Amino acid sequence: MSDFHGVLPALLTPFTEDGSAIDTEALTANVERLIAAGVGGLVPGGSTGEFTTLTNAERRLLVETVVKAADGHVPVVAGTAALSTRETVELSVHAEQAGAAAVMIIPPFYDAPSWRELKAHFQAVADAISIPVMYYNMPGVSGTTLTAEQLAELPGVTCLKDTGGDATYAQALIHGDGPTLLNGFDTHTFHALAAGVEAVVWGTASVLPEQCVELHRLLIDDIDLPAARELWARLWAVCDVLESVAYTAGVKAGARLTGFTTGPVRGPLLELEDADRVRLAAAIEAATVSSVR
């Protein structure tokens, strides 16, 4: 499945209180709440999910737990990126076997590969699985920026999560003939949806799922621009705070404030400082003043 529709939360990975293991009970409960809120899919094992701190065994457990909890109600896009092609292929094969609808892959990000090497990397994945690949565009991390023409040539790639932060670049991809764009940059969500993007991969949706789903409905299904603007003004304030702090720690802190069980972040990440936590709490409180229709 590559024709995604709706809000796909970038899932956080809840840990036990000492951070030593994934809290699978909390993860299951979080998934069930997100599905009840009306999300259109789930994306475990991405940056918000702290995938770089997980062992390969934990990454497999994460995908298996999310797929089981989703129980076929929404598609699961499993983050399977790794520094080596071998590990990326192995994790991708496992994700398909576990029941994922697609995999999400950022280019190897220690030593940015050449174009020839990157094509070979994605070709190896495409040869090993039959489900689609979502390209994870985050050049600030990967060191790789591809043109629309290059994206269209990547083997197995049918869509991309764009977390590049370049709105002009995103517009070119939205209106081009290459892979389908899913917005992945929080503060760009409104104009991406207004431009016709059908789906978003959104970390804020792991904090305020009902409000995020409502924004998508207003812009895509109802085309109610005045109501969408009013809601977005409040959601943008939350997104703005999250993008001004350590993002993953911010999502976990925010999710705790709205009733999710998250556990701590794993090192080298640290919890938010008190001043940032206060700013985030104020923005979340303001975003939840009006009830979701």
C-alpha atoms as a PDB file:
ATOM      1  CA  MET A   1       0.000   0.000   0.000  1.00  0.00           C
ATOM      2  CA  SER A   2       1.424   3.394  -0.968  1.00  0.00           C
ATOM      3  CA  ASP A   3      -1.695   5.559  -1.352  1.00  0.00           C
ATOM      4  CA  PHE A   4      -1.772   6.787   2.222  1.00  0.00           C
ATOM      5  CA  HIS A   5      -4.504   9.113   3.443  1.00  0.00           C
ATOM      6  CA  GLY A   6      -4.753  10.983   6.709  1.00  0.00           C
ATOM      7  CA  VAL A   7      -2.472  11.566   9.655  1.00  0.00           C
ATOM      8  CA  LEU A   8       0.248   8.994  10.305  1.00  0.00           C
ATOM      9  CA  PRO A   9       1.776   9.679  13.728  1.00  0.00           C
ATOM     10  CA  ALA A  10       5.531   9.380  13.953  1.00  0.00           C
ATOM     11  CA  LEU A  11       5.418   7.007  16.905  1.00  0.00           C
ATOM     12  CA  LEU A  12       7.483   7.482  20.013  1.00  0.00           C
ATOM     13  CA  THR A  13       9.016   4.375  21.555  1.00  0.00           C
ATOM     14  CA  PRO A  14       7.959   3.997  25.199  1.00  0.00           C
ATOM     15  CA  PHE A  15      10.637   2.592  27.478  1.00  0.00           C
ATOM     16  CA  THR A  16      10.448   1.102  30.937  1.00  0.00           C
ATOM     17  CA  GLU A  17      11.217   3.581  33.704  1.00  0.00           C
ATOM     18  CA  ASP A  18      14.928   2.744  33.748  1.00  0.00           C
ATOM     19  CA  GLY A  19      15.098   2.967  29.948  1.00  0.00           C
ATOM     20  CA  SER A  20      16.445  -0.555  29.636  1.00  0.00           C
ATOM     21  CA  ALA A  21      13.667  -2.059  27.490  1.00  0.00           C
ATOM     22  CA  ILE A  22      10.692  -1.214  25.304  1.00  0.00           C
ATOM     23  CA  ASP A  23       7.475  -1.023  27.317  1.00  0.00           C
ATOM     24  CA  THR A  24       5.324  -3.132  25.011  1.00  0.00           C
ATOM     25  CA  GLU A  25       2.190  -2.722  27.133  1.00  0.00           C
ATOM     26  CA  ALA A  26       2.444   1.059  26.928  1.00  0.00           C
ATOM     27  CA  LEU A  27       3.209   0.850  23.215  1.00  0.00           C
ATOM     28  CA  THR A  28       0.082  -1.237  22.623  1.00  0.00           C
ATOM     29  CA  ALA A  29      -2.069   1.149  24.654  1.00  0.00           C
ATOM     30  CA  ASN A  30      -0.645   4.152  22.799  1.00  0.00           C
ATOM     31  CA  VAL A  31      -1.377   2.560  19.420  1.00  0.00           C
ATOM     32  CA  GLU A  32      -4.928   1.719  20.428  1.00  0.00           C
ATOM     33  CA  ARG A  33      -5.550   5.300  21.535  1.00  0.00           C
ATOM     34  CA  LEU A  34      -4.161   6.694  18.281  1.00  0.00           C
ATOM     35  CA  ILE A  35      -6.362   4.401  16.218  1.00  0.00           C
ATOM     36  CA  ALA A  36      -9.392   5.423  18.270  1.00  0.00           C
ATOM     37  CA  ALA A  37      -8.522   9.049  17.465  1.00  0.00           C
ATOM     38  CA  GLY A  38      -8.863   8.289  13.753  1.00  0.00           C
ATOM     39  CA  VAL A  39      -5.293   8.248  12.485  1.00  0.00           C
ATOM     40  CA  GLY A  40      -4.638   6.966   8.989  1.00  0.00           C
ATOM     41  CA  GLY A  41      -1.549   4.907   9.730  1.00  0.00           C
ATOM     42  CA  LEU A  42       1.382   4.430  12.095  1.00  0.00           C
ATOM     43  CA  VAL A  43       5.107   4.993  11.599  1.00  0.00           C
ATOM     44  CA  PRO A  44       7.264   3.251  14.221  1.00  0.00           C
ATOM     45  CA  GLY A  45      11.041   3.247  14.225  1.00  0.00           C
ATOM     46  CA  GLY A  46      11.703   6.710  12.850  1.00  0.00           C
ATOM     47  CA  SER A  47      13.617   9.599  14.378  1.00  0.00           C
ATOM     48  CA  THR A  48      10.843  10.344  16.879  1.00  0.00           C
ATOM     49  CA  GLY A  49      10.969   6.676  17.807  1.00  0.00           C
ATOM     50  CA  GLU A  50      14.670   6.940  18.750  1.00  0.00           C
ATOM     51  CA  PHE A  51      15.600   4.175  16.325  1.00  0.00           C
ATOM     52  CA  THR A  52      19.303   4.955  16.559  1.00  0.00           C
ATOM     53  CA  THR A  53      19.240   3.949  20.252  1.00  0.00           C
ATOM     54  CA  LEU A  54      17.512   0.604  19.627  1.00  0.00           C
ATOM     55  CA  THR A  55      19.170  -2.747  19.089  1.00  0.00           C
ATOM     56  CA  ASN A  56      18.109  -4.678  16.009  1.00  0.00           C
ATOM     57  CA  ALA A  57      16.210  -7.082  18.266  1.00  0.00           C
ATOM     58  CA  GLU A  58      14.336  -4.138  19.780  1.00  0.00           C
ATOM     59  CA  ARG A  59      13.565  -2.757  16.333  1.00  0.00           C
ATOM     60  CA  ARG A  60      12.028  -6.069  15.361  1.00  0.00           C
ATOM     61  CA  LEU A  61      10.031  -6.203  18.593  1.00  0.00           C
ATOM     62  CA  LEU A  62       8.836  -2.639  17.992  1.00  0.00           C
ATOM     63  CA  VAL A  63       7.457  -3.435  14.551  1.00  0.00           C
ATOM     64  CA  GLU A  64       5.892  -6.713  15.654  1.00  0.00           C
ATOM     65  CA  THR A  65       4.172  -5.030  18.608  1.00  0.00           C
ATOM     66  CA  VAL A  66       2.799  -2.136  16.549  1.00  0.00           C
ATOM     67  CA  VAL A  67       1.519  -4.404  13.763  1.00  0.00           C
ATOM     68  CA  LYS A  68      -0.186  -6.660  16.294  1.00  0.00           C
ATOM     69  CA  ALA A  69      -1.741  -3.705  18.140  1.00  0.00           C
ATOM     70  CA  ALA A  70      -2.917  -2.109  14.886  1.00  0.00           C
ATOM     71  CA  ASP A  71      -4.649  -5.407  14.054  1.00  0.00           C
ATOM     72  CA  GLY A  72      -5.209  -4.430  10.431  1.00  0.00           C
ATOM     73  CA  HIS A  73      -7.157  -1.260  11.253  1.00  0.00           C
ATOM     74  CA  VAL A  74      -4.495   1.040   9.768  1.00  0.00           C
ATOM     75  CA  PRO A  75      -1.309   0.446   7.751  1.00  0.00           C
ATOM     76  CA  VAL A  76       2.046   0.360   9.513  1.00  0.00           C
ATOM     77  CA  VAL A  77       5.104   1.915   7.858  1.00  0.00           C
ATOM     78  CA  ALA A  78       8.165   0.509   9.588  1.00  0.00           C
ATOM     79  CA  GLY A  79      11.378   2.485   9.823  1.00  0.00           C
ATOM     80  CA  THR A  80      14.104   0.084   8.692  1.00  0.00           C
ATOM     81  CA  ALA A  81      17.042   2.356   7.906  1.00  0.00           C
ATOM     82  CA  ALA A  82      20.520   1.300   8.987  1.00  0.00           C
ATOM     83  CA  LEU A  83      24.082   2.301   8.227  1.00  0.00           C
ATOM     84  CA  SER A  84      24.718  -0.817   6.169  1.00  0.00           C
ATOM     85  CA  THR A  85      22.786  -2.232   3.224  1.00  0.00           C
ATOM     86  CA  ARG A  86      22.804  -5.682   4.819  1.00  0.00           C
ATOM     87  CA  GLU A  87      21.092  -4.504   8.003  1.00  0.00           C
ATOM     88  CA  THR A  88      18.619  -2.357   6.066  1.00  0.00           C
ATOM     89  CA  VAL A  89      17.644  -5.352   3.938  1.00  0.00           C
ATOM     90  CA  GLU A  90      17.335  -7.661   6.943  1.00  0.00           C
ATOM     91  CA  LEU A  91      15.141  -5.221   8.862  1.00  0.00           C
ATOM     92  CA  SER A  92      13.018  -4.570   5.781  1.00  0.00           C
ATOM     93  CA  VAL A  93      12.472  -8.272   5.140  1.00  0.00           C
ATOM     94  CA  HIS A  94      11.476  -8.732   8.761  1.00  0.00           C
ATOM     95  CA  ALA A  95       9.054  -5.779   8.586  1.00  0.00           C
ATOM     96  CA  GLU A  96       7.288  -7.296   5.590  1.00  0.00           C
ATOM     97  CA  GLN A  97       7.096 -10.685   7.275  1.00  0.00           C
ATOM     98  CA  ALA A  98       5.688  -9.027  10.418  1.00  0.00           C
ATOM     99  CA  GLY A  99       2.883  -7.431   8.397  1.00  0.00           C
ATOM    100  CA  ALA A 100       4.075  -3.894   7.687  1.00  0.00           C
ATOM    101  CA  ALA A 101       2.438  -2.213   4.683  1.00  0.00           C
ATOM    102  CA  ALA A 102       5.635  -0.363   3.733  1.00  0.00           C
ATOM    103  CA  VAL A 103       9.090   0.475   5.016  1.00  0.00           C
ATOM    104  CA  MET A 104      10.626   3.908   5.545  1.00  0.00           C
ATOM    105  CA  ILE A 105      14.320   4.337   4.779  1.00  0.00           C
ATOM    106  CA  ILE A 106      16.650   7.292   5.191  1.00  0.00           C
ATOM    107  CA  PRO A 107      19.956   7.049   3.299  1.00  0.00           C
ATOM    108  CA  PRO A 108      22.919   5.762   5.338  1.00  0.00           C
ATOM    109  CA  PHE A 109      23.927   8.819   7.321  1.00  0.00           C
ATOM    110  CA  TYR A 110      27.500   8.351   8.513  1.00  0.00           C
ATOM    111  CA  ASP A 111      29.294   8.628   5.195  1.00  0.00           C
ATOM    112  CA  ALA A 112      26.796   9.979   2.652  1.00  0.00           C
ATOM    113  CA  PRO A 113      26.755   7.540  -0.302  1.00  0.00           C
ATOM    114  CA  SER A 114      27.258   8.594  -3.893  1.00  0.00           C
ATOM    115  CA  TRP A 115      24.280   8.502  -6.239  1.00  0.00           C
ATOM    116  CA  ARG A 116      25.464   5.182  -7.693  1.00  0.00           C
ATOM    117  CA  GLU A 117      25.858   3.713  -4.200  1.00  0.00           C
ATOM    118  CA  LEU A 118      22.479   5.021  -3.064  1.00  0.00           C
ATOM    119  CA  LYS A 119      20.694   3.475  -6.041  1.00  0.00           C
ATOM    120  CA  ALA A 120      22.390   0.155  -5.305  1.00  0.00           C
ATOM    121  CA  HIS A 121      21.353   0.419  -1.648  1.00  0.00           C
ATOM    122  CA  PHE A 122      17.685   0.905  -2.505  1.00  0.00           C
ATOM    123  CA  GLN A 123      17.881  -1.692  -5.267  1.00  0.00           C
ATOM    124  CA  ALA A 124      19.015  -4.285  -2.736  1.00  0.00           C
ATOM    125  CA  VAL A 125      15.978  -3.497  -0.570  1.00  0.00           C
ATOM    126  CA  ALA A 126      13.593  -3.498  -3.533  1.00  0.00           C
ATOM    127  CA  ASP A 127      14.918  -6.895  -4.640  1.00  0.00           C
ATOM    128  CA  ALA A 128      14.346  -8.364  -1.180  1.00  0.00           C
ATOM    129  CA  ILE A 129      10.777  -7.194  -0.435  1.00  0.00           C
ATOM    130  CA  SER A 130       7.478  -6.776  -2.268  1.00  0.00           C
ATOM    131  CA  ILE A 131       6.034  -3.903  -0.196  1.00  0.00           C
ATOM    132  CA  PRO A 132       6.642  -0.231  -1.093  1.00  0.00           C
ATOM    133  CA  VAL A 133       9.493   1.902   0.185  1.00  0.00           C
ATOM    134  CA  MET A 134       8.941   5.374   1.648  1.00  0.00           C
ATOM    135  CA  TYR A 135      12.055   7.500   1.152  1.00  0.00           C
ATOM    136  CA  TYR A 136      12.844   9.509   4.286  1.00  0.00           C
ATOM    137  CA  ASN A 137      14.060  12.898   3.085  1.00  0.00           C
ATOM    138  CA  MET A 138      15.962  14.531   5.934  1.00  0.00           C
ATOM    139  CA  PRO A 139      19.115  16.000   4.382  1.00  0.00           C
ATOM    140  CA  GLY A 140      20.139  17.717   7.611  1.00  0.00           C
ATOM    141  CA  VAL A 141      20.770  14.248   9.029  1.00  0.00           C
ATOM    142  CA  SER A 142      21.607  12.161   5.971  1.00  0.00           C
ATOM    143  CA  GLY A 143      23.733  14.705   4.137  1.00  0.00           C
ATOM    144  CA  THR A 144      21.910  13.647   0.966  1.00  0.00           C
ATOM    145  CA  THR A 145      19.707  15.889  -1.169  1.00  0.00           C
ATOM    146  CA  LEU A 146      18.120  14.365  -4.264  1.00  0.00           C
ATOM    147  CA  THR A 147      16.436  16.040  -7.191  1.00  0.00           C
ATOM    148  CA  ALA A 148      12.905  15.127  -8.188  1.00  0.00           C
ATOM    149  CA  GLU A 149      14.360  13.247 -11.148  1.00  0.00           C
ATOM    150  CA  GLN A 150      16.664  11.205  -8.901  1.00  0.00           C
ATOM    151  CA  LEU A 151      13.839  10.387  -6.491  1.00  0.00           C
ATOM    152  CA  ALA A 152      11.793   9.071  -9.406  1.00  0.00           C
ATOM    153  CA  GLU A 153      14.656   6.719 -10.284  1.00  0.00           C
ATOM    154  CA  LEU A 154      15.112   5.177  -6.829  1.00  0.00           C
ATOM    155  CA  PRO A 155      14.181   1.484  -6.967  1.00  0.00           C
ATOM    156  CA  GLY A 156      11.106   0.515  -4.949  1.00  0.00           C
ATOM    157  CA  VAL A 157      10.341   4.061  -3.790  1.00  0.00           C
ATOM    158  CA  THR A 158       6.695   5.049  -4.263  1.00  0.00           C
ATOM    159  CA  CYS A 159       6.441   7.878  -1.734  1.00  0.00           C
ATOM    160  CA  LEU A 160       8.554  10.011   0.540  1.00  0.00           C
ATOM    161  CA  LYS A 161       8.346  11.592   3.955  1.00  0.00           C
ATOM    162  CA  ASP A 162       9.688  15.097   3.477  1.00  0.00           C
ATOM    163  CA  THR A 163      11.387  16.462   6.588  1.00  0.00           C
ATOM    164  CA  GLY A 164      13.736  18.714   4.664  1.00  0.00           C
ATOM    165  CA  GLY A 165      12.215  22.009   5.766  1.00  0.00           C
ATOM    166  CA  ASP A 166      12.445  23.523   2.264  1.00  0.00           C
ATOM    167  CA  ALA A 167       8.910  24.541   1.294  1.00  0.00           C
ATOM    168  CA  THR A 168       9.881  25.463  -2.280  1.00  0.00           C
ATOM    169  CA  TYR A 169      11.523  22.072  -2.805  1.00  0.00           C
ATOM    170  CA  ALA A 170       8.446  20.380  -1.343  1.00  0.00           C
ATOM    171  CA  GLN A 171       6.141  22.249  -3.706  1.00  0.00           C
ATOM    172  CA  ALA A 172       8.158  21.033  -6.682  1.00  0.00           C
ATOM    173  CA  LEU A 173       7.796  17.453  -5.440  1.00  0.00           C
ATOM    174  CA  ILE A 174       4.070  17.866  -4.701  1.00  0.00           C
ATOM    175  CA  HIS A 175       3.380  18.985  -8.256  1.00  0.00           C
ATOM    176  CA  GLY A 176       5.882  16.674  -9.942  1.00  0.00           C
ATOM    177  CA  ASP A 177       5.544  13.186 -11.400  1.00  0.00           C
ATOM    178  CA  GLY A 178       7.771  11.399  -8.909  1.00  0.00           C
ATOM    179  CA  PRO A 179       7.012   9.644  -5.624  1.00  0.00           C
ATOM    180  CA  THR A 180       4.001  10.846  -3.627  1.00  0.00           C
ATOM    181  CA  LEU A 181       4.988  13.355  -0.959  1.00  0.00           C
ATOM    182  CA  LEU A 182       3.892  13.019   2.653  1.00  0.00           C
ATOM    183  CA  ASN A 183       4.729  16.081   4.723  1.00  0.00           C
ATOM    184  CA  GLY A 184       7.017  15.343   7.647  1.00  0.00           C
ATOM    185  CA  PHE A 185       7.965  18.841   8.799  1.00  0.00           C
ATOM    186  CA  ASP A 186       5.596  19.886  11.575  1.00  0.00           C
ATOM    187  CA  THR A 187       5.370  23.625  10.991  1.00  0.00           C
ATOM    188  CA  HIS A 188       4.773  23.064   7.244  1.00  0.00           C
ATOM    189  CA  THR A 189       1.723  20.858   7.791  1.00  0.00           C
ATOM    190  CA  PHE A 190      -0.952  23.421   7.007  1.00  0.00           C
ATOM    191  CA  HIS A 191       0.403  24.625   3.690  1.00  0.00           C
ATOM    192  CA  ALA A 192       1.282  21.077   2.623  1.00  0.00           C
ATOM    193  CA  LEU A 193      -2.293  19.921   3.213  1.00  0.00           C
ATOM    194  CA  ALA A 194      -3.656  23.090   1.618  1.00  0.00           C
ATOM    195  CA  ALA A 195      -1.510  22.320  -1.433  1.00  0.00           C
ATOM    196  CA  GLY A 196      -3.170  18.930  -1.731  1.00  0.00           C
ATOM    197  CA  VAL A 197      -0.899  16.539   0.150  1.00  0.00           C
ATOM    198  CA  GLU A 198      -3.140  13.629   1.163  1.00  0.00           C
ATOM    199  CA  ALA A 199      -1.128  12.338   4.121  1.00  0.00           C
ATOM    200  CA  VAL A 200       1.293  13.590   6.740  1.00  0.00           C
ATOM    201  CA  VAL A 201       3.789  11.809   8.997  1.00  0.00           C
ATOM    202  CA  TRP A 202       3.543  13.969  12.074  1.00  0.00           C
ATOM    203  CA  GLY A 203       5.249  13.760  15.461  1.00  0.00           C
ATOM    204  CA  THR A 204       2.768  16.197  17.003  1.00  0.00           C
ATOM    205  CA  ALA A 205       0.067  13.614  16.290  1.00  0.00           C
ATOM    206  CA  SER A 206       1.656  11.474  19.006  1.00  0.00           C
ATOM    207  CA  VAL A 207       0.806  14.308  21.403  1.00  0.00           C
ATOM    208  CA  LEU A 208      -2.511  15.687  20.093  1.00  0.00           C
ATOM    209  CA  PRO A 209      -3.921  13.027  17.771  1.00  0.00           C
ATOM    210  CA  GLU A 210      -7.538  14.182  17.828  1.00  0.00           C
ATOM    211  CA  GLN A 211      -6.660  17.764  16.915  1.00  0.00           C
ATOM    212  CA  CYS A 212      -4.238  16.685  14.192  1.00  0.00           C
ATOM    213  CA  VAL A 213      -6.825  14.364  12.642  1.00  0.00           C
ATOM    214  CA  GLU A 214      -9.340  17.201  12.803  1.00  0.00           C
ATOM    215  CA  LEU A 215      -7.018  19.537  10.892  1.00  0.00           C
ATOM    216  CA  HIS A 216      -6.622  16.959   8.138  1.00  0.00           C
ATOM    217  CA  ARG A 217     -10.389  16.510   7.926  1.00  0.00           C
ATOM    218  CA  LEU A 218     -11.000  20.247   7.711  1.00  0.00           C
ATOM    219  CA  LEU A 219      -8.436  20.804   4.940  1.00  0.00           C
ATOM    220  CA  ILE A 220      -8.738  17.632   2.878  1.00  0.00           C
ATOM    221  CA  ASP A 221     -12.212  16.202   3.409  1.00  0.00           C
ATOM    222  CA  ASP A 222     -14.366  19.230   4.300  1.00  0.00           C
ATOM    223  CA  ILE A 223     -12.272  22.021   2.737  1.00  0.00           C
ATOM    224  CA  ASP A 224     -13.318  24.307   5.590  1.00  0.00           C
ATOM    225  CA  LEU A 225     -10.531  26.872   5.451  1.00  0.00           C
ATOM    226  CA  PRO A 226     -11.735  29.274   8.192  1.00  0.00           C
ATOM    227  CA  ALA A 227     -12.099  26.480  10.767  1.00  0.00           C
ATOM    228  CA  ALA A 228      -8.790  24.963   9.680  1.00  0.00           C
ATOM    229  CA  ARG A 229      -6.998  28.282  10.112  1.00  0.00           C
ATOM    230  CA  GLU A 230      -8.350  28.693  13.618  1.00  0.00           C
ATOM    231  CA  LEU A 231      -7.288  25.193  14.642  1.00  0.00           C
ATOM    232  CA  TRP A 232      -3.908  25.496  12.932  1.00  0.00           C
ATOM    233  CA  ALA A 233      -3.074  28.684  14.819  1.00  0.00           C
ATOM    234  CA  ARG A 234      -3.193  26.647  18.032  1.00  0.00           C
ATOM    235  CA  LEU A 235      -1.506  23.547  16.637  1.00  0.00           C
ATOM    236  CA  TRP A 236       1.240  25.615  15.030  1.00  0.00           C
ATOM    237  CA  ALA A 237       2.189  26.981  18.446  1.00  0.00           C
ATOM    238  CA  VAL A 238       2.781  23.422  19.668  1.00  0.00           C
ATOM    239  CA  CYS A 239       4.741  22.515  16.533  1.00  0.00           C
ATOM    240  CA  ASP A 240       6.807  25.675  16.875  1.00  0.00           C
ATOM    241  CA  VAL A 241       7.826  24.808  20.425  1.00  0.00           C
ATOM    242  CA  LEU A 242       8.668  21.230  19.461  1.00  0.00           C
ATOM    243  CA  GLU A 243      10.879  22.388  16.608  1.00  0.00           C
ATOM    244  CA  SER A 244      12.701  24.839  18.896  1.00  0.00           C
ATOM    245  CA  VAL A 245      13.685  22.221  21.506  1.00  0.00           C
ATOM    246  CA  ALA A 246      15.140  18.707  21.385  1.00  0.00           C
ATOM    247  CA  TYR A 247      12.319  17.348  19.246  1.00  0.00           C
ATOM    248  CA  THR A 248      12.056  13.756  20.435  1.00  0.00           C
ATOM    249  CA  ALA A 249      12.324  14.718  24.097  1.00  0.00           C
ATOM    250  CA  GLY A 250       9.675  17.335  23.407  1.00  0.00           C
ATOM    251  CA  VAL A 251       7.279  14.835  21.861  1.00  0.00           C
ATOM    252  CA  LYS A 252       7.712  12.502  24.811  1.00  0.00           C
ATOM    253  CA  ALA A 253       7.185  15.333  27.303  1.00  0.00           C
ATOM    254  CA  GLY A 254       4.121  16.505  25.414  1.00  0.00           C
ATOM    255  CA  ALA A 255       2.690  13.006  25.121  1.00  0.00           C
ATOM    256  CA  ARG A 256       3.004  12.543  28.874  1.00  0.00           C
ATOM    257  CA  LEU A 257       1.041  15.770  29.370  1.00  0.00           C
ATOM    258  CA  THR A 258      -1.817  14.419  27.240  1.00  0.00           C
ATOM    259  CA  GLY A 259      -2.014  11.055  28.964  1.00  0.00           C
ATOM    260  CA  PHE A 260       0.300   8.771  26.996  1.00  0.00           C
ATOM    261  CA  THR A 261       2.805   6.498  28.754  1.00  0.00           C
ATOM    262  CA  THR A 262       6.263   7.149  27.339  1.00  0.00           C
ATOM    263  CA  GLY A 263       9.016   6.393  29.806  1.00  0.00           C
ATOM    264  CA  PRO A 264      12.272   8.381  29.479  1.00  0.00           C
ATOM    265  CA  VAL A 265      14.324   9.233  26.427  1.00  0.00           C
ATOM    266  CA  ARG A 266      17.512   7.267  25.896  1.00  0.00           C
ATOM    267  CA  GLY A 267      20.967   8.788  25.940  1.00  0.00           C
ATOM    268  CA  PRO A 268      22.490  10.749  24.466  1.00  0.00           C
ATOM    269  CA  LEU A 269      19.112  12.499  24.554  1.00  0.00           C
ATOM    270  CA  LEU A 270      18.134  14.271  27.755  1.00  0.00           C
ATOM    271  CA  GLU A 271      14.735  15.294  29.076  1.00  0.00           C
ATOM    272  CA  LEU A 272      13.552  18.844  28.416  1.00  0.00           C
ATOM    273  CA  GLU A 273      14.723  21.621  30.671  1.00  0.00           C
ATOM    274  CA  ASP A 274      12.051  23.062  32.961  1.00  0.00           C
ATOM    275  CA  ALA A 275      11.600  26.292  30.995  1.00  0.00           C
ATOM    276  CA  ASP A 276      10.997  24.401  27.754  1.00  0.00           C
ATOM    277  CA  ARG A 277       8.584  22.030  29.471  1.00  0.00           C
ATOM    278  CA  VAL A 278       6.574  25.000  30.756  1.00  0.00           C
ATOM    279  CA  ARG A 279       6.423  26.572  27.281  1.00  0.00           C
ATOM    280  CA  LEU A 280       5.285  23.281  25.762  1.00  0.00           C
ATOM    281  CA  ALA A 281       2.651  22.717  28.434  1.00  0.00           C
ATOM    282  CA  ALA A 282       1.197  26.190  27.825  1.00  0.00           C
ATOM    283  CA  ALA A 283       1.004  25.618  24.073  1.00  0.00           C
ATOM    284  CA  ILE A 284      -0.645  22.212  24.517  1.00  0.00           C
ATOM    285  CA  GLU A 285      -3.182  23.643  26.961  1.00  0.00           C
ATOM    286  CA  ALA A 286      -4.107  26.378  24.495  1.00  0.00           C
ATOM    287  CA  ALA A 287      -4.412  23.833  21.663  1.00  0.00           C
ATOM    288  CA  THR A 288      -6.904  21.754  23.610  1.00  0.00           C
ATOM    289  CA  VAL A 289      -9.202  24.603  24.705  1.00  0.00           C
ATOM    290  CA  SER A 290     -11.801  23.902  22.001  1.00  0.00           C
ATOM    291  CA  SER A 291     -13.255  20.429  21.752  1.00  0.00           C
ATOM    292  CA  VAL A 292     -12.756  18.404  18.595  1.00  0.00           C
ATOM    293  CA  ARG A 293     -15.863  18.379  16.475  1.00  0.00           C
END
